[in-house]
Amino acid sequence: MKQADSLLWVTPNASSSPFVDVAGTLLRTLQAEQPSLKVSWLCLNQNETDEIKIMKSIKLAYSSMMQGENEVRLDVDGMGAQIIRYMPDEDIAAATGVALPREVDSPIDGRDYELALAAARTPVVLSYDPAAPQPEQQTLDNGVSEVDPDSSECGTVKVKVQVQASVINSDDIAQYNGQIENRVPTHGGKTSTTALGTFFAGKVLKPATTASPRTSVMGWTEGACANTVVVKHNRLIPFGDQAPVQALTRFAALGTAMAVLEGHTRARKGDLIHLVNLGTILHEAFHVVCQFLSVEVIRDDDRSKFTIEASKTGELLVNGVLVNIHKNLAVCHDTLVKLLRDLDRDSWFNFPTPKCFALKDYKEAFKAAIESRDLVVLNHDDLDGISHVPIYRPPTHLLTPQGAYIIIGGLGGLGRYTCSWLVEHG
């Protein structure tokens, strides 16, 4: 084992954490004695008998481990296989970049964060060292500039927004239940997790011509359950003096309904729609959008062209097919904006009050969204006592190809090896 640099441990599926039994103790000991050793545990579905699939799972698991993607639990090709990497408790291991640290309960204290999924039904808040490089975020920030809102370039300009509230919707529930996967790089750019959130409300941080700093806006983007988002200018809508939670709820509900009716079903005047088991907020929103599109809602399922229902686990289905809200929003965005402009102030305020949770209660929020089959709002104002996984600053490289180094002594075996290594690496 002293010559090994990686170890893939393969067993049938474990019902509990794998690092609590004899085998777990062995792996813990091996990694403690050899910190550089990569240790991954591949849990195969115990009902899987196809040898080809099993070998493919093992090959993919090993490939992912060697590429450094084993810091989170992964599903391999949807075949019931999972990789679970041992996460040491020692903060020093995390601080030096050896592994992800343990989850902690503490204020985030100005750190960047996002709500993501490490695996199905495993939401986590990932927090990032403000000093850590964030390549993707920096690239987006550089795109912020002033532009005429009526010009053709308006849709490409990006605005940075501080999120005050975000929504758990059908897409998030589907990802939570492992029905769909939407993997994007995290802020740190090192891991790949399932980012959550589509709709948000907040304050503009980076200005554009029609979105000056501190303007209250609502919009939609990928990974909206975060402290800040960078969004295309044409996806933002000011909401004035309304409360962020109320404005966001109505926007998200109408946006969801529009994505289903205009984007997914392409419903047109005279079509018959049957609504089944929707929560009160979504039910109201679908009626408003149906009226706007001249689509008739009926109670008779036999005569309807489209049956829209919330499944027992909370996802939105059309004629039994799962709907991707985020994907269809791009198709119906202009129609959604027109609907919002056409609604008078009275009808805008007729929506029911949503269930609202502090960000620290995100696990309870997911349960409530599934049980109610409706939208649930996360309030980002209270950040005390959040259970989160700190992502530390990547370790600084001691040696670089651009440096010049003086070696004093270095005539023994270690010195000669070090000199050879320096020459080989430029």
Protein backbone atom coordinates (compact mmCIF):
# COMPACT_ATOMS: atom_id res chain seq x y z
CA MET A 1 0.00 0.00 0.00
CA LYS A 2 2.92 2.36 0.54
CA GLN A 3 3.48 2.40 -3.23
CA ALA A 4 -0.20 3.12 -4.03
CA ASP A 5 -1.50 6.60 -4.81
CA SER A 6 -5.22 5.73 -5.06
CA LEU A 7 -7.64 3.15 -3.71
CA LEU A 8 -11.14 2.40 -5.03
CA TRP A 9 -13.14 0.25 -2.57
CA VAL A 10 -16.13 -1.50 -4.21
CA THR A 11 -19.02 -3.02 -2.22
CA PRO A 12 -22.81 -3.47 -2.48
CA ASN A 13 -24.92 -0.48 -1.55
CA ALA A 14 -24.62 0.58 2.11
CA SER A 15 -27.73 1.80 3.92
CA SER A 16 -25.74 4.03 6.25
CA SER A 17 -22.53 6.02 6.02
CA PRO A 18 -19.82 3.63 4.81
CA PHE A 19 -17.24 5.10 7.14
CA VAL A 20 -18.67 3.60 10.34
CA ASP A 21 -17.86 -0.12 10.03
CA VAL A 22 -14.67 -2.21 9.92
CA ALA A 23 -13.94 -1.41 6.27
CA GLY A 24 -14.48 2.27 6.97
CA THR A 25 -12.03 2.14 9.84
CA LEU A 26 -9.47 0.51 7.53
CA LEU A 27 -9.85 3.25 4.91
CA ARG A 28 -9.72 5.96 7.56
CA THR A 29 -6.48 4.47 8.93
CA LEU A 30 -4.92 4.16 5.48
CA GLN A 31 -5.65 7.74 4.59
CA ALA A 32 -4.47 8.99 7.99
CA GLU A 33 -1.14 7.20 7.51
CA GLN A 34 -0.84 8.27 3.87
CA PRO A 35 -2.47 11.73 3.45
CA SER A 36 -1.65 11.75 -0.28
CA LEU A 37 -3.64 8.54 -0.85
CA LYS A 38 -6.90 9.06 -2.74
CA VAL A 39 -9.59 6.87 -1.20
CA SER A 40 -13.02 6.41 -2.77
CA TRP A 41 -15.84 4.02 -1.92
CA LEU A 42 -18.02 2.80 -4.78
CA CYS A 43 -21.41 1.54 -3.55
CA LEU A 44 -23.04 -0.59 -6.23
CA ASN A 45 -26.74 -1.36 -6.32
CA GLN A 46 -26.99 -4.75 -4.65
CA ASN A 47 -29.71 -5.76 -7.15
CA GLU A 48 -27.47 -5.09 -10.14
CA THR A 49 -26.41 -8.35 -11.83
CA ASP A 50 -25.25 -7.16 -15.25
CA GLU A 51 -21.47 -7.64 -15.23
CA ILE A 52 -20.96 -5.21 -18.12
CA LYS A 53 -22.77 -2.43 -16.25
CA ILE A 54 -20.84 -3.23 -13.07
CA MET A 55 -17.50 -3.04 -14.86
CA LYS A 56 -18.54 0.17 -16.59
CA SER A 57 -19.48 1.68 -13.21
CA ILE A 58 -16.12 0.72 -11.73
CA LYS A 59 -14.27 2.14 -14.73
CA LEU A 60 -16.17 5.44 -14.55
CA ALA A 61 -15.68 5.61 -10.78
CA TYR A 62 -11.93 5.12 -11.12
CA SER A 63 -11.73 7.65 -13.94
CA SER A 64 -13.62 10.26 -11.88
CA MET A 65 -11.38 9.62 -8.88
CA MET A 66 -8.22 10.07 -10.92
CA GLN A 67 -9.57 13.33 -12.35
CA GLY A 68 -10.06 14.69 -8.84
CA GLU A 69 -13.87 14.72 -9.00
CA ASN A 70 -14.35 12.53 -5.92
CA GLU A 71 -14.87 15.33 -3.39
CA VAL A 72 -18.65 14.89 -3.53
CA ARG A 73 -20.90 11.87 -3.79
CA LEU A 74 -21.73 11.13 -7.42
CA ASP A 75 -24.27 9.04 -9.33
CA VAL A 76 -22.54 7.11 -12.10
CA ASP A 77 -24.58 6.95 -15.33
CA GLY A 78 -27.82 6.68 -13.35
CA MET A 79 -27.16 2.99 -12.73
CA GLY A 80 -27.55 3.15 -8.98
CA ALA A 81 -23.79 3.45 -8.38
CA GLN A 82 -22.39 6.08 -6.05
CA ILE A 83 -18.93 7.27 -5.14
CA ILE A 84 -18.51 8.38 -1.56
CA ARG A 85 -15.21 9.95 -0.60
CA TYR A 86 -14.02 9.96 3.00
CA MET A 87 -14.10 13.53 4.31
CA PRO A 88 -11.64 13.94 7.20
CA ASP A 89 -12.66 15.95 10.24
CA GLU A 90 -9.37 17.77 10.55
CA ASP A 91 -9.69 21.40 9.48
CA ILE A 92 -6.00 21.47 8.63
CA ALA A 93 -6.57 18.90 5.88
CA ALA A 94 -9.23 21.15 4.35
CA ALA A 95 -7.20 24.33 4.79
CA THR A 96 -4.28 22.83 2.88
CA GLY A 97 -6.47 21.58 0.05
CA VAL A 98 -6.21 17.87 0.87
CA ALA A 99 -9.98 17.42 1.08
CA LEU A 100 -13.30 19.10 1.75
CA PRO A 101 -13.76 19.94 5.43
CA ARG A 102 -16.60 18.86 7.64
CA GLU A 103 -19.90 20.72 7.75
CA VAL A 104 -19.99 23.41 10.43
CA ASP A 105 -22.68 25.48 12.14
CA SER A 106 -21.54 29.10 12.20
CA PRO A 107 -22.26 32.51 10.66
CA ILE A 108 -21.05 32.79 7.09
CA ASP A 109 -19.39 36.12 7.96
CA GLY A 110 -19.34 37.74 4.55
CA ARG A 111 -18.27 34.64 2.64
CA ASP A 112 -19.76 33.89 -0.76
CA TYR A 113 -22.12 30.93 -0.66
CA GLU A 114 -24.54 28.85 -2.72
CA LEU A 115 -27.11 26.16 -2.04
CA ALA A 116 -26.32 23.02 -4.02
CA LEU A 117 -26.81 19.26 -4.05
CA ALA A 118 -23.94 16.92 -3.27
CA ALA A 119 -26.26 14.03 -4.22
CA ALA A 120 -29.98 13.29 -4.45
CA ARG A 121 -31.77 14.49 -1.29
CA THR A 122 -28.51 15.89 0.06
CA PRO A 123 -28.62 19.70 -0.11
CA VAL A 124 -25.64 21.61 1.31
CA VAL A 125 -24.61 25.23 1.63
CA LEU A 126 -21.12 25.66 0.19
CA SER A 127 -19.31 28.77 1.43
CA TYR A 128 -16.21 30.21 -0.21
CA ASP A 129 -13.20 32.08 1.07
CA PRO A 130 -13.55 35.67 -0.23
CA ALA A 131 -9.85 35.61 -1.13
CA ALA A 132 -10.18 32.43 -3.18
CA PRO A 133 -10.04 32.87 -6.95
CA GLN A 134 -13.42 32.62 -8.63
CA PRO A 135 -12.67 32.56 -12.36
CA GLU A 136 -16.22 32.19 -13.62
CA GLN A 137 -17.58 34.96 -11.39
CA GLN A 138 -14.75 37.34 -12.32
CA THR A 139 -15.38 36.76 -16.01
CA LEU A 140 -19.03 37.60 -15.59
CA ASP A 141 -18.28 40.71 -13.52
CA ASN A 142 -16.07 42.02 -16.30
CA GLY A 143 -19.08 41.91 -18.63
CA VAL A 144 -21.00 44.53 -16.66
CA SER A 145 -21.26 47.78 -18.55
CA GLU A 146 -23.66 50.51 -19.52
CA VAL A 147 -25.86 50.00 -22.55
CA ASP A 148 -28.96 51.44 -24.15
CA PRO A 149 -31.85 49.17 -23.04
CA ASP A 150 -33.39 49.44 -26.50
CA SER A 151 -30.23 48.35 -28.31
CA SER A 152 -29.59 44.87 -29.68
CA GLU A 153 -26.74 44.43 -27.18
CA CYS A 154 -28.99 44.72 -24.13
CA GLY A 155 -29.51 40.96 -23.81
CA THR A 156 -25.76 40.31 -23.52
CA VAL A 157 -25.02 42.85 -20.75
CA LYS A 158 -24.75 41.30 -17.29
CA VAL A 159 -25.69 42.83 -13.95
CA LYS A 160 -24.55 41.67 -10.51
CA VAL A 161 -27.34 41.32 -7.94
CA GLN A 162 -27.27 40.69 -4.20
CA VAL A 163 -29.93 38.05 -3.55
CA GLN A 164 -32.47 38.78 -0.79
CA ALA A 165 -34.82 35.88 -1.50
CA SER A 166 -34.92 32.85 -3.78
CA VAL A 167 -37.49 30.17 -4.60
CA ILE A 168 -37.52 26.39 -4.39
CA ASN A 169 -39.55 25.32 -7.41
CA SER A 170 -40.32 22.23 -9.49
CA ASP A 171 -36.85 22.08 -11.08
CA ASP A 172 -35.21 22.09 -7.65
CA ILE A 173 -37.53 19.35 -6.40
CA ALA A 174 -36.78 17.23 -9.48
CA GLN A 175 -33.04 17.65 -8.88
CA TYR A 176 -33.52 16.96 -5.17
CA ASN A 177 -35.28 13.70 -6.03
CA GLY A 178 -32.63 12.77 -8.59
CA GLN A 179 -35.02 13.12 -11.56
CA ILE A 180 -32.91 15.63 -13.50
CA GLU A 181 -29.29 16.73 -13.24
CA ASN A 182 -27.93 20.19 -13.83
CA ARG A 183 -24.23 20.24 -13.01
CA VAL A 184 -22.35 23.55 -13.09
CA PRO A 185 -18.96 24.58 -11.66
CA THR A 186 -19.06 25.98 -8.14
CA HIS A 187 -17.71 29.45 -7.34
CA GLY A 188 -14.36 27.91 -6.49
CA GLY A 189 -14.22 26.21 -9.88
CA LYS A 190 -12.86 22.95 -8.39
CA THR A 191 -15.93 20.82 -7.78
CA SER A 192 -19.04 20.13 -9.81
CA THR A 193 -22.32 20.15 -7.92
CA THR A 194 -25.95 20.51 -8.74
CA ALA A 195 -26.71 24.22 -8.32
CA LEU A 196 -30.18 25.12 -7.09
CA GLY A 197 -32.58 27.97 -7.67
CA THR A 198 -34.06 29.68 -10.72
CA PHE A 199 -36.05 32.71 -9.49
CA PHE A 200 -34.66 35.40 -7.17
CA ALA A 201 -35.22 38.93 -5.89
CA GLY A 202 -32.57 41.35 -4.66
CA LYS A 203 -30.62 44.58 -5.03
CA VAL A 204 -28.42 45.59 -7.96
CA LEU A 205 -24.71 45.78 -7.06
CA LYS A 206 -23.16 46.40 -10.47
CA PRO A 207 -24.93 49.13 -12.47
CA ALA A 208 -26.29 49.29 -15.99
CA THR A 209 -28.18 52.20 -17.57
CA THR A 210 -31.66 51.10 -16.46
CA ALA A 211 -30.54 49.20 -13.35
CA SER A 212 -28.72 51.63 -11.09
CA PRO A 213 -27.11 50.42 -7.84
CA ARG A 214 -29.50 49.29 -5.07
CA THR A 215 -32.45 49.05 -7.47
CA SER A 216 -34.85 46.31 -6.35
CA VAL A 217 -35.13 43.69 -9.10
CA MET A 218 -36.40 40.18 -9.61
CA GLY A 219 -35.24 37.77 -12.29
CA TRP A 220 -34.22 34.25 -13.18
CA THR A 221 -30.93 32.50 -13.74
CA GLU A 222 -29.19 29.21 -13.04
CA GLY A 223 -28.00 28.74 -9.44
CA ALA A 224 -30.11 31.57 -7.96
CA CYS A 225 -29.89 30.19 -4.39
CA ALA A 226 -26.68 32.10 -3.68
CA ASN A 227 -25.60 35.34 -2.04
CA THR A 228 -24.98 37.00 -5.42
CA VAL A 229 -25.83 36.21 -9.03
CA VAL A 230 -24.70 37.74 -12.32
CA VAL A 231 -27.63 37.93 -14.72
CA LYS A 232 -28.31 39.07 -18.26
CA HIS A 233 -29.83 42.54 -18.13
CA ASN A 234 -32.97 41.57 -20.05
CA ARG A 235 -33.85 38.91 -17.45
CA LEU A 236 -34.29 41.51 -14.68
CA ILE A 237 -37.56 43.25 -13.80
CA PRO A 238 -37.75 46.10 -11.22
CA PHE A 239 -40.43 45.61 -8.57
CA GLY A 240 -40.41 49.03 -6.88
CA ASP A 241 -41.49 49.30 -3.26
CA GLN A 242 -43.05 45.83 -2.96
CA ALA A 243 -41.71 43.41 -0.35
CA PRO A 244 -39.10 41.11 -1.98
CA VAL A 245 -40.82 37.90 -0.81
CA GLN A 246 -44.24 38.92 -2.14
CA ALA A 247 -42.89 40.22 -5.45
CA LEU A 248 -40.73 37.14 -5.94
CA THR A 249 -43.54 34.69 -5.16
CA ARG A 250 -45.86 36.14 -7.77
CA PHE A 251 -43.09 36.44 -10.35
CA ALA A 252 -41.92 32.86 -9.79
CA ALA A 253 -45.46 31.47 -9.84
CA LEU A 254 -46.40 33.28 -13.06
CA GLY A 255 -43.02 32.42 -14.58
CA THR A 256 -43.49 28.75 -13.76
CA ALA A 257 -46.99 28.70 -15.24
CA MET A 258 -45.84 30.56 -18.35
CA ALA A 259 -42.89 28.17 -18.81
CA VAL A 260 -45.27 25.22 -18.72
CA LEU A 261 -48.07 26.66 -20.87
CA GLU A 262 -46.21 28.85 -23.36
CA GLY A 263 -42.84 27.11 -23.34
CA HIS A 264 -43.53 23.40 -22.85
CA THR A 265 -47.06 22.79 -24.15
CA ARG A 266 -47.23 25.68 -26.67
CA ALA A 267 -50.85 26.11 -25.54
CA ARG A 268 -52.96 28.36 -27.77
CA LYS A 269 -56.37 29.96 -27.75
CA GLY A 270 -59.13 27.41 -27.25
CA ASP A 271 -56.95 24.63 -25.82
CA LEU A 272 -58.41 22.78 -22.82
CA ILE A 273 -56.27 22.41 -19.69
CA HIS A 274 -56.87 20.19 -16.66
CA LEU A 275 -55.07 21.09 -13.39
CA VAL A 276 -54.43 18.37 -10.81
CA ASN A 277 -53.02 18.56 -7.25
CA LEU A 278 -51.32 21.96 -7.62
CA GLY A 279 -50.57 24.03 -4.54
CA THR A 280 -52.65 27.16 -3.97
CA ILE A 281 -50.04 29.61 -5.32
CA LEU A 282 -49.34 27.64 -8.49
CA HIS A 283 -53.06 26.94 -9.00
CA GLU A 284 -53.80 30.67 -8.92
CA ALA A 285 -50.89 31.44 -11.26
CA PHE A 286 -51.99 28.87 -13.84
CA HIS A 287 -55.49 30.37 -13.90
CA VAL A 288 -54.04 33.86 -14.49
CA VAL A 289 -51.76 32.69 -17.32
CA CYS A 290 -54.51 30.56 -18.90
CA GLN A 291 -56.78 33.61 -18.97
CA PHE A 292 -53.97 35.69 -20.51
CA LEU A 293 -53.40 33.07 -23.25
CA SER A 294 -57.17 32.51 -23.79
CA VAL A 295 -56.78 28.89 -22.68
CA GLU A 296 -59.71 27.23 -20.92
CA VAL A 297 -59.30 25.38 -17.60
CA ILE A 298 -61.73 22.48 -17.24
CA ARG A 299 -62.41 19.85 -14.58
CA ASP A 300 -63.03 17.00 -17.03
CA ASP A 301 -59.78 15.16 -17.66
CA ASP A 302 -61.25 13.21 -20.59
CA ARG A 303 -61.75 16.34 -22.73
CA SER A 304 -58.49 18.14 -21.88
CA LYS A 305 -55.60 18.43 -24.29
CA PHE A 306 -53.08 18.86 -21.48
CA THR A 307 -53.19 17.56 -17.93
CA ILE A 308 -50.88 19.54 -15.66
CA GLU A 309 -50.26 17.97 -12.27
CA ALA A 310 -47.91 18.03 -9.32
CA SER A 311 -46.60 14.55 -8.61
CA LYS A 312 -46.54 13.02 -5.13
CA THR A 313 -42.90 14.02 -4.86
CA GLY A 314 -43.55 17.62 -5.97
CA GLU A 315 -42.43 17.78 -9.62
CA LEU A 316 -44.61 19.38 -12.32
CA LEU A 317 -45.75 16.99 -15.05
CA VAL A 318 -47.60 17.60 -18.33
CA ASN A 319 -49.40 14.49 -19.57
CA GLY A 320 -47.04 12.51 -17.34
CA VAL A 321 -43.84 14.13 -18.70
CA LEU A 322 -41.51 16.09 -16.41
CA VAL A 323 -41.21 19.80 -17.26
CA ASN A 324 -37.91 21.70 -17.12
CA ILE A 325 -38.90 25.21 -16.03
CA HIS A 326 -35.50 26.88 -16.51
CA LYS A 327 -35.11 25.54 -20.04
CA ASN A 328 -38.56 26.76 -21.12
CA LEU A 329 -38.26 30.22 -19.56
CA ALA A 330 -35.93 31.30 -22.36
CA VAL A 331 -38.70 30.50 -24.85
CA CYS A 332 -41.47 32.42 -23.09
CA HIS A 333 -39.58 35.28 -21.42
CA ASP A 334 -40.99 38.02 -23.66
CA THR A 335 -44.56 36.79 -23.14
CA LEU A 336 -43.99 36.69 -19.38
CA VAL A 337 -42.77 40.29 -19.38
CA LYS A 338 -45.84 41.36 -21.37
CA LEU A 339 -48.12 39.59 -18.88
CA LEU A 340 -46.47 41.36 -15.94
CA ARG A 341 -46.90 44.73 -17.65
CA ASP A 342 -50.54 44.04 -18.48
CA LEU A 343 -51.54 43.02 -14.96
CA ASP A 344 -53.08 45.85 -13.00
CA ARG A 345 -51.92 46.50 -9.45
CA ASP A 346 -54.99 44.91 -7.84
CA SER A 347 -54.68 41.56 -9.60
CA TRP A 348 -50.94 41.58 -8.89
CA PHE A 349 -51.67 41.44 -5.17
CA ASN A 350 -54.25 38.61 -5.20
CA PHE A 351 -51.81 35.76 -4.72
CA PRO A 352 -51.75 33.69 -1.50
CA THR A 353 -48.97 34.16 1.03
CA PRO A 354 -46.11 31.67 0.48
CA LYS A 355 -44.33 29.52 3.02
CA CYS A 356 -41.09 31.32 3.80
CA PHE A 357 -37.99 29.87 5.47
CA ALA A 358 -34.70 31.35 6.60
CA LEU A 359 -31.78 30.09 4.54
CA LYS A 360 -30.49 28.05 7.49
CA ASP A 361 -33.72 26.00 7.38
CA TYR A 362 -33.21 24.92 3.76
CA LYS A 363 -33.72 21.23 4.56
CA GLU A 364 -37.14 21.93 6.09
CA ALA A 365 -37.94 24.17 3.11
CA PHE A 366 -37.46 21.27 0.69
CA LYS A 367 -39.75 19.05 2.77
CA ALA A 368 -42.41 21.78 2.81
CA ALA A 369 -42.18 22.28 -0.97
CA ILE A 370 -42.70 18.55 -1.56
CA GLU A 371 -45.57 18.25 0.90
CA SER A 372 -47.41 21.37 -0.32
CA ARG A 373 -46.59 20.78 -4.03
CA ASP A 374 -46.07 24.51 -4.24
CA LEU A 375 -43.43 27.22 -4.33
CA VAL A 376 -41.45 27.89 -1.15
CA VAL A 377 -39.35 31.01 -0.54
CA LEU A 378 -35.90 31.12 1.08
CA ASN A 379 -35.06 34.37 2.88
CA HIS A 380 -31.37 35.26 2.56
CA ASP A 381 -31.36 38.14 5.08
CA ASP A 382 -30.69 36.00 8.19
CA LEU A 383 -27.34 34.22 7.81
CA ASP A 384 -26.66 33.33 11.46
CA GLY A 385 -26.20 29.71 12.51
CA ILE A 386 -26.15 28.22 9.01
CA SER A 387 -24.90 24.67 8.58
CA HIS A 388 -22.40 25.00 5.73
CA VAL A 389 -19.31 23.44 4.20
CA PRO A 390 -16.44 25.97 4.01
CA ILE A 391 -14.40 25.79 0.81
CA TYR A 392 -10.93 27.01 1.64
CA ARG A 393 -8.54 29.05 -0.44
CA PRO A 394 -6.48 26.82 -2.75
CA PRO A 395 -2.97 26.29 -1.31
CA THR A 396 -0.25 28.59 -2.64
CA HIS A 397 2.34 26.85 -4.79
CA LEU A 398 5.78 26.97 -3.19
CA LEU A 399 7.60 26.62 -6.51
CA THR A 400 6.74 28.10 -9.92
CA PRO A 401 8.35 27.70 -13.38
CA GLN A 402 8.99 31.48 -13.42
CA GLY A 403 11.00 31.44 -10.15
CA ALA A 404 14.76 31.26 -9.50
CA TYR A 405 15.92 29.17 -6.54
CA ILE A 406 19.22 28.78 -4.67
CA ILE A 407 19.85 25.37 -3.11
CA ILE A 408 22.29 25.37 -0.19
CA GLY A 409 23.95 22.02 0.31
CA GLY A 410 21.86 19.56 -1.65
CA LEU A 411 24.68 17.07 -2.21
CA GLY A 412 22.89 14.11 -0.65
CA GLY A 413 20.25 11.86 -2.15
CA LEU A 414 17.32 14.16 -1.23
CA GLY A 415 19.10 17.24 -2.58
CA ARG A 416 19.92 15.59 -5.89
CA TYR A 417 16.35 14.36 -6.24
CA THR A 418 15.04 17.86 -5.50
CA CYS A 419 17.35 19.42 -8.09
CA SER A 420 16.31 16.87 -10.71
CA TRP A 421 12.64 17.52 -9.95
CA LEU A 422 13.13 21.29 -10.30
CA VAL A 423 14.83 20.89 -13.69
CA GLU A 424 12.14 18.49 -14.97
CA HIS A 425 9.40 20.94 -14.02
CA GLY A 426 10.92 23.97 -15.66
